[in-house]
Amino acid sequence: MPLGLSAKREGEEIELVLDDGTAEERLRMLAVELAEALARLEAPGYPTMDPEELEDEPDDVPNYTTAQVELIEPEGVLILRKIKVPGPDLLEFTTPSGSVYEYEWPGASEYLRSLLPR
């Protein structure tokens, strides 16, 4: 489990707990919607650049994909981004409160997928 990210599956729903060491947010959603959002982040057509090009021309091409999930609680939308950067890709969550949490993609996506429907 990535530091600061935990989840608990209860039937059709999943509760994410995002913690940055100073604040913690609990978000409840349908597990299938989170699974679909993670799948969309890896859909073909993902814009890529090798790390050297990204460093030389950071604004040339968007190096992220975005998906969103309608939350059950709190009310609102959770925005997920897979961000391609030099080093491991990142999984970023933007909550309805405007808080942003980042985790390394490989560990976070693997952990979440283990709790989600396939």
C-alpha atoms as a PDB file:
ATOM      1  CA  MET A   1       0.000   0.000   0.000  1.00  0.00           C
ATOM      2  CA  PRO A   2       1.444   3.393  -0.991  1.00  0.00           C
ATOM      3  CA  LEU A   3       2.121   5.743   1.900  1.00  0.00           C
ATOM      4  CA  GLY A   4      -0.888   8.010   2.472  1.00  0.00           C
ATOM      5  CA  LEU A   5      -3.333   5.977   0.378  1.00  0.00           C
ATOM      6  CA  SER A   6      -5.668   3.347   1.751  1.00  0.00           C
ATOM      7  CA  ALA A   7      -8.973   1.896   0.652  1.00  0.00           C
ATOM      8  CA  LYS A   8     -11.687  -0.356   1.979  1.00  0.00           C
ATOM      9  CA  ARG A   9     -14.192  -2.180  -0.194  1.00  0.00           C
ATOM     10  CA  GLU A  10     -17.705  -2.742   1.140  1.00  0.00           C
ATOM     11  CA  GLY A  11     -19.957  -4.505  -1.367  1.00  0.00           C
ATOM     12  CA  GLU A  12     -20.405  -2.325  -4.438  1.00  0.00           C
ATOM     13  CA  GLU A  13     -18.719   0.693  -2.842  1.00  0.00           C
ATOM     14  CA  ILE A  14     -15.153   1.600  -2.016  1.00  0.00           C
ATOM     15  CA  GLU A  15     -13.903   4.195   0.430  1.00  0.00           C
ATOM     16  CA  LEU A  16     -10.601   5.893  -0.353  1.00  0.00           C
ATOM     17  CA  VAL A  17      -8.619   7.540   2.408  1.00  0.00           C
ATOM     18  CA  LEU A  18      -6.138  10.128   1.113  1.00  0.00           C
ATOM     19  CA  ASP A  19      -3.642  11.456   3.639  1.00  0.00           C
ATOM     20  CA  ASP A  20      -0.769  13.873   3.066  1.00  0.00           C
ATOM     21  CA  GLY A  21       0.449  13.912   6.674  1.00  0.00           C
ATOM     22  CA  THR A  22      -1.404  17.102   7.571  1.00  0.00           C
ATOM     23  CA  ALA A  23      -4.938  16.410   6.331  1.00  0.00           C
ATOM     24  CA  GLU A  24      -7.006  13.329   5.615  1.00  0.00           C
ATOM     25  CA  GLU A  25      -9.975  12.980   3.275  1.00  0.00           C
ATOM     26  CA  ARG A  26     -12.405  10.075   3.024  1.00  0.00           C
ATOM     27  CA  LEU A  27     -14.172   9.601  -0.305  1.00  0.00           C
ATOM     28  CA  ARG A  28     -16.854   7.002  -1.038  1.00  0.00           C
ATOM     29  CA  MET A  29     -17.769   5.913  -4.584  1.00  0.00           C
ATOM     30  CA  LEU A  30     -18.929   2.920  -6.583  1.00  0.00           C
ATOM     31  CA  ALA A  31     -16.032   0.497  -6.996  1.00  0.00           C
ATOM     32  CA  VAL A  32     -16.894  -0.163 -10.644  1.00  0.00           C
ATOM     33  CA  GLU A  33     -16.672   3.573 -11.433  1.00  0.00           C
ATOM     34  CA  LEU A  34     -13.192   3.814  -9.923  1.00  0.00           C
ATOM     35  CA  ALA A  35     -12.139   0.717 -11.891  1.00  0.00           C
ATOM     36  CA  GLU A  36     -13.442   2.282 -15.118  1.00  0.00           C
ATOM     37  CA  ALA A  37     -11.652   5.568 -14.392  1.00  0.00           C
ATOM     38  CA  LEU A  38      -8.310   3.785 -13.842  1.00  0.00           C
ATOM     39  CA  ALA A  39      -8.831   1.889 -17.115  1.00  0.00           C
ATOM     40  CA  ARG A  40      -9.521   5.154 -18.984  1.00  0.00           C
ATOM     41  CA  LEU A  41      -6.228   6.579 -17.712  1.00  0.00           C
ATOM     42  CA  GLU A  42      -4.392   3.812 -19.580  1.00  0.00           C
ATOM     43  CA  ALA A  43      -6.494   3.838 -22.760  1.00  0.00           C
ATOM     44  CA  PRO A  44      -4.652   3.826 -26.108  1.00  0.00           C
ATOM     45  CA  GLY A  45      -3.738   7.260 -27.352  1.00  0.00           C
ATOM     46  CA  TYR A  46      -1.966   8.267 -24.162  1.00  0.00           C
ATOM     47  CA  PRO A  47       0.364  11.118 -25.181  1.00  0.00           C
ATOM     48  CA  THR A  48       3.967  10.237 -24.499  1.00  0.00           C
ATOM     49  CA  MET A  49       7.325  11.894 -24.718  1.00  0.00           C
ATOM     50  CA  ASP A  50      10.619  10.496 -23.610  1.00  0.00           C
ATOM     51  CA  PRO A  51      12.018  12.129 -20.441  1.00  0.00           C
ATOM     52  CA  GLU A  52      14.637  14.179 -22.305  1.00  0.00           C
ATOM     53  CA  GLU A  53      12.011  15.752 -24.584  1.00  0.00           C
ATOM     54  CA  LEU A  54       9.767  16.434 -21.609  1.00  0.00           C
ATOM     55  CA  GLU A  55      12.554  18.328 -19.842  1.00  0.00           C
ATOM     56  CA  ASP A  56      13.358  20.347 -23.001  1.00  0.00           C
ATOM     57  CA  GLU A  57       9.764  21.131 -23.953  1.00  0.00           C
ATOM     58  CA  PRO A  58       7.520  20.706 -20.891  1.00  0.00           C
ATOM     59  CA  ASP A  59       4.568  22.583 -22.420  1.00  0.00           C
ATOM     60  CA  ASP A  60       4.794  21.027 -25.881  1.00  0.00           C
ATOM     61  CA  VAL A  61       2.382  18.123 -25.326  1.00  0.00           C
ATOM     62  CA  PRO A  62       0.050  17.360 -22.451  1.00  0.00           C
ATOM     63  CA  ASN A  63       1.672  14.471 -20.631  1.00  0.00           C
ATOM     64  CA  TYR A  64      -1.308  13.332 -18.644  1.00  0.00           C
ATOM     65  CA  THR A  65      -4.687  11.703 -19.051  1.00  0.00           C
ATOM     66  CA  THR A  66      -7.708  12.580 -16.959  1.00  0.00           C
ATOM     67  CA  ALA A  67     -10.768  10.696 -15.735  1.00  0.00           C
ATOM     68  CA  GLN A  68     -13.388  11.536 -13.165  1.00  0.00           C
ATOM     69  CA  VAL A  69     -15.600   9.657 -10.728  1.00  0.00           C
ATOM     70  CA  GLU A  70     -18.894  10.852  -9.282  1.00  0.00           C
ATOM     71  CA  LEU A  71     -18.671  10.546  -5.508  1.00  0.00           C
ATOM     72  CA  ILE A  72     -21.363   9.215  -3.188  1.00  0.00           C
ATOM     73  CA  GLU A  73     -19.853  11.032  -0.234  1.00  0.00           C
ATOM     74  CA  PRO A  74     -18.910  13.825  -0.051  1.00  0.00           C
ATOM     75  CA  GLU A  75     -21.005  15.127  -2.903  1.00  0.00           C
ATOM     76  CA  GLY A  76     -18.981  16.068  -5.959  1.00  0.00           C
ATOM     77  CA  VAL A  77     -16.450  14.721  -8.424  1.00  0.00           C
ATOM     78  CA  LEU A  78     -13.053  13.129  -7.858  1.00  0.00           C
ATOM     79  CA  ILE A  79     -10.620  13.920 -10.682  1.00  0.00           C
ATOM     80  CA  LEU A  80      -7.874  11.395 -11.394  1.00  0.00           C
ATOM     81  CA  ARG A  81      -4.824  12.094 -13.559  1.00  0.00           C
ATOM     82  CA  LYS A  82      -2.056   9.815 -14.706  1.00  0.00           C
ATOM     83  CA  ILE A  83       0.911  12.128 -15.132  1.00  0.00           C
ATOM     84  CA  LYS A  84       3.921  11.130 -17.216  1.00  0.00           C
ATOM     85  CA  VAL A  85       7.082  12.658 -15.808  1.00  0.00           C
ATOM     86  CA  PRO A  86      10.732  11.720 -15.759  1.00  0.00           C
ATOM     87  CA  GLY A  87      10.802   8.777 -13.357  1.00  0.00           C
ATOM     88  CA  PRO A  88       7.742   6.787 -12.319  1.00  0.00           C
ATOM     89  CA  ASP A  89       4.398   8.055 -13.607  1.00  0.00           C
ATOM     90  CA  LEU A  90       2.167   9.647 -10.970  1.00  0.00           C
ATOM     91  CA  LEU A  91      -1.465   9.091 -10.034  1.00  0.00           C
ATOM     92  CA  GLU A  92      -2.965  12.383  -8.916  1.00  0.00           C
ATOM     93  CA  PHE A  93      -6.296  12.800  -7.131  1.00  0.00           C
ATOM     94  CA  THR A  94      -8.061  16.179  -6.973  1.00  0.00           C
ATOM     95  CA  THR A  95     -10.890  16.109  -4.452  1.00  0.00           C
ATOM     96  CA  PRO A  96     -14.066  18.236  -4.407  1.00  0.00           C
ATOM     97  CA  SER A  97     -12.440  20.392  -1.704  1.00  0.00           C
ATOM     98  CA  GLY A  98      -9.634  21.239  -4.149  1.00  0.00           C
ATOM     99  CA  SER A  99      -6.951  19.217  -2.365  1.00  0.00           C
ATOM    100  CA  VAL A 100      -4.422  17.399  -4.550  1.00  0.00           C
ATOM    101  CA  TYR A 101      -2.755  14.118  -3.575  1.00  0.00           C
ATOM    102  CA  GLU A 102      -0.008  12.427  -5.643  1.00  0.00           C
ATOM    103  CA  TYR A 103       1.217   8.834  -5.533  1.00  0.00           C
ATOM    104  CA  GLU A 104       3.547   6.841  -7.767  1.00  0.00           C
ATOM    105  CA  TRP A 105       1.408   5.225 -10.458  1.00  0.00           C
ATOM    106  CA  PRO A 106       2.744   1.665 -10.345  1.00  0.00           C
ATOM    107  CA  GLY A 107       2.179   1.116  -6.615  1.00  0.00           C
ATOM    108  CA  ALA A 108      -1.066   3.085  -6.300  1.00  0.00           C
ATOM    109  CA  SER A 109      -2.777   1.583  -9.350  1.00  0.00           C
ATOM    110  CA  GLU A 110      -1.723  -1.951  -8.417  1.00  0.00           C
ATOM    111  CA  TYR A 111      -3.007  -1.507  -4.859  1.00  0.00           C
ATOM    112  CA  LEU A 112      -6.360  -0.067  -5.974  1.00  0.00           C
ATOM    113  CA  ARG A 113      -6.880  -2.671  -8.696  1.00  0.00           C
ATOM    114  CA  SER A 114      -6.484  -5.441  -6.109  1.00  0.00           C
ATOM    115  CA  LEU A 115      -9.660  -4.118  -4.428  1.00  0.00           C
ATOM    116  CA  LEU A 116     -11.719  -3.407  -7.554  1.00  0.00           C
ATOM    117  CA  PRO A 117     -13.925  -5.495  -9.845  1.00  0.00           C
ATOM    118  CA  ARG A 118     -12.228  -6.696 -13.009  1.00  0.00           C
END
